[in-house]
């Protein structure tokens, strides 16, 4: 799964820029700034990563079932984990 890190703890700001991130996701190891928020292409993560994070009490897990996207929120970061082919599907 491809992972994109969004460095904010503000859910409202994250929600505002989420559609922009999906429309033009950063490449692996690329950082972009949207509305003052740093967004970074974190590369690939194994499916086991999501399962490990899911059981931690400090991690909030959100699912967008239609597109198979999992969003993990912990500390000051949101991680958008999406299937590798998500960018081609749109």
C-alpha atoms as a PDB file:
ATOM      1  CA  UNK A   1       0.000   0.000   0.000  1.00  0.00           C
ATOM      2  CA  UNK A   2       1.139   3.513  -0.755  1.00  0.00           C
ATOM      3  CA  UNK A   3       1.381   5.797   2.281  1.00  0.00           C
ATOM      4  CA  UNK A   4       1.126   9.583   2.438  1.00  0.00           C
ATOM      5  CA  UNK A   5       1.932  11.394   5.688  1.00  0.00           C
ATOM      6  CA  UNK A   6       0.118  14.620   6.549  1.00  0.00           C
ATOM      7  CA  UNK A   7       1.788  16.522   9.390  1.00  0.00           C
ATOM      8  CA  UNK A   8      -1.009  18.083  11.414  1.00  0.00           C
ATOM      9  CA  UNK A   9      -3.109  17.122  14.407  1.00  0.00           C
ATOM     10  CA  UNK A  10      -5.968  19.363  13.258  1.00  0.00           C
ATOM     11  CA  UNK A  11      -8.696  17.104  11.821  1.00  0.00           C
ATOM     12  CA  UNK A  12     -10.575  20.033  10.285  1.00  0.00           C
ATOM     13  CA  UNK A  13      -7.517  21.167   8.302  1.00  0.00           C
ATOM     14  CA  UNK A  14      -6.794  17.581   7.294  1.00  0.00           C
ATOM     15  CA  UNK A  15     -10.380  17.182   6.059  1.00  0.00           C
ATOM     16  CA  UNK A  16     -10.103  20.397   4.047  1.00  0.00           C
ATOM     17  CA  UNK A  17      -6.977  19.307   2.137  1.00  0.00           C
ATOM     18  CA  UNK A  18      -7.763  15.565   1.886  1.00  0.00           C
ATOM     19  CA  UNK A  19      -9.447  15.855  -1.569  1.00  0.00           C
ATOM     20  CA  UNK A  20      -6.468  17.857  -2.884  1.00  0.00           C
ATOM     21  CA  UNK A  21      -4.052  15.208  -1.623  1.00  0.00           C
ATOM     22  CA  UNK A  22      -5.963  12.429  -3.368  1.00  0.00           C
ATOM     23  CA  UNK A  23      -6.248  14.449  -6.578  1.00  0.00           C
ATOM     24  CA  UNK A  24      -2.478  15.071  -6.742  1.00  0.00           C
ATOM     25  CA  UNK A  25      -0.623  12.832  -4.269  1.00  0.00           C
ATOM     26  CA  UNK A  26       3.070  13.509  -3.720  1.00  0.00           C
ATOM     27  CA  UNK A  27       5.588  11.084  -5.182  1.00  0.00           C
ATOM     28  CA  UNK A  28       7.633   8.846  -2.877  1.00  0.00           C
ATOM     29  CA  UNK A  29      10.021  10.966  -0.783  1.00  0.00           C
ATOM     30  CA  UNK A  30       8.464  14.189  -2.124  1.00  0.00           C
ATOM     31  CA  UNK A  31       7.194  16.889   0.228  1.00  0.00           C
ATOM     32  CA  UNK A  32       4.559  19.426  -0.716  1.00  0.00           C
ATOM     33  CA  UNK A  33       2.835  22.108   1.356  1.00  0.00           C
ATOM     34  CA  UNK A  34      -0.941  22.567   1.137  1.00  0.00           C
ATOM     35  CA  UNK A  35      -2.509  25.394   3.142  1.00  0.00           C
ATOM     36  CA  UNK A  36       0.538  25.477   5.397  1.00  0.00           C
ATOM     37  CA  UNK A  37       0.488  21.714   6.060  1.00  0.00           C
ATOM     38  CA  UNK A  38       3.406  19.498   5.023  1.00  0.00           C
ATOM     39  CA  UNK A  39       2.362  16.441   3.020  1.00  0.00           C
ATOM     40  CA  UNK A  40       4.940  13.774   2.286  1.00  0.00           C
ATOM     41  CA  UNK A  41       4.994  10.717   0.052  1.00  0.00           C
ATOM     42  CA  UNK A  42       6.164   8.049   2.496  1.00  0.00           C
ATOM     43  CA  UNK A  43       6.434   5.216   0.001  1.00  0.00           C
ATOM     44  CA  UNK A  44       5.147   1.699   0.479  1.00  0.00           C
ATOM     45  CA  UNK A  45       3.972   0.160   3.755  1.00  0.00           C
ATOM     46  CA  UNK A  46       3.152  -3.519   4.255  1.00  0.00           C
ATOM     47  CA  UNK A  47      -0.425  -4.505   5.119  1.00  0.00           C
ATOM     48  CA  UNK A  48       0.899  -5.733   8.473  1.00  0.00           C
ATOM     49  CA  UNK A  49       1.785  -2.120   9.369  1.00  0.00           C
ATOM     50  CA  UNK A  50      -1.888  -1.148   9.361  1.00  0.00           C
ATOM     51  CA  UNK A  51      -2.774  -4.157  11.507  1.00  0.00           C
ATOM     52  CA  UNK A  52      -0.016  -3.327  14.012  1.00  0.00           C
ATOM     53  CA  UNK A  53      -1.128   0.302  14.227  1.00  0.00           C
ATOM     54  CA  UNK A  54      -4.813  -0.628  14.502  1.00  0.00           C
ATOM     55  CA  UNK A  55      -4.316  -2.340  17.883  1.00  0.00           C
ATOM     56  CA  UNK A  56      -2.526   0.620  19.498  1.00  0.00           C
ATOM     57  CA  UNK A  57      -4.854   2.598  21.800  1.00  0.00           C
ATOM     58  CA  UNK A  58      -3.377   5.972  20.761  1.00  0.00           C
ATOM     59  CA  UNK A  59      -4.134   5.419  17.059  1.00  0.00           C
ATOM     60  CA  UNK A  60      -7.429   6.435  15.452  1.00  0.00           C
ATOM     61  CA  UNK A  61      -8.317   4.342  12.387  1.00  0.00           C
ATOM     62  CA  UNK A  62     -10.685   5.618   9.679  1.00  0.00           C
ATOM     63  CA  UNK A  63     -11.713   3.735   6.533  1.00  0.00           C
ATOM     64  CA  UNK A  64     -12.918   4.968   3.191  1.00  0.00           C
ATOM     65  CA  UNK A  65     -14.355   1.651   2.012  1.00  0.00           C
ATOM     66  CA  UNK A  66     -15.317   2.794  -1.483  1.00  0.00           C
ATOM     67  CA  UNK A  67     -11.667   3.400  -2.436  1.00  0.00           C
ATOM     68  CA  UNK A  68     -10.024   0.984   0.008  1.00  0.00           C
ATOM     69  CA  UNK A  69      -8.241   3.806   1.832  1.00  0.00           C
ATOM     70  CA  UNK A  70      -7.250   3.554   5.487  1.00  0.00           C
ATOM     71  CA  UNK A  71      -6.375   6.704   7.434  1.00  0.00           C
ATOM     72  CA  UNK A  72      -4.356   6.396  10.633  1.00  0.00           C
ATOM     73  CA  UNK A  73      -4.156   9.348  13.006  1.00  0.00           C
ATOM     74  CA  UNK A  74      -1.641   9.389  15.819  1.00  0.00           C
ATOM     75  CA  UNK A  75       0.241  12.202  17.484  1.00  0.00           C
ATOM     76  CA  UNK A  76       0.709  15.058  15.031  1.00  0.00           C
ATOM     77  CA  UNK A  77       0.347  13.015  11.856  1.00  0.00           C
ATOM     78  CA  UNK A  78      -2.319  11.491   9.635  1.00  0.00           C
ATOM     79  CA  UNK A  79      -1.215   8.617   7.409  1.00  0.00           C
ATOM     80  CA  UNK A  80      -3.261   7.937   4.293  1.00  0.00           C
ATOM     81  CA  UNK A  81      -2.719   4.338   3.206  1.00  0.00           C
ATOM     82  CA  UNK A  82      -4.176   3.517  -0.188  1.00  0.00           C
ATOM     83  CA  UNK A  83      -3.948   0.685  -2.687  1.00  0.00           C
ATOM     84  CA  UNK A  84      -1.072   1.133  -5.128  1.00  0.00           C
ATOM     85  CA  UNK A  85      -3.446   1.510  -8.063  1.00  0.00           C
ATOM     86  CA  UNK A  86      -5.604   4.225  -6.417  1.00  0.00           C
ATOM     87  CA  UNK A  87      -4.004   7.072  -8.364  1.00  0.00           C
ATOM     88  CA  UNK A  88      -4.644   5.348 -11.685  1.00  0.00           C
ATOM     89  CA  UNK A  89      -8.270   4.527 -10.772  1.00  0.00           C
ATOM     90  CA  UNK A  90      -9.410   8.144 -10.755  1.00  0.00           C
END
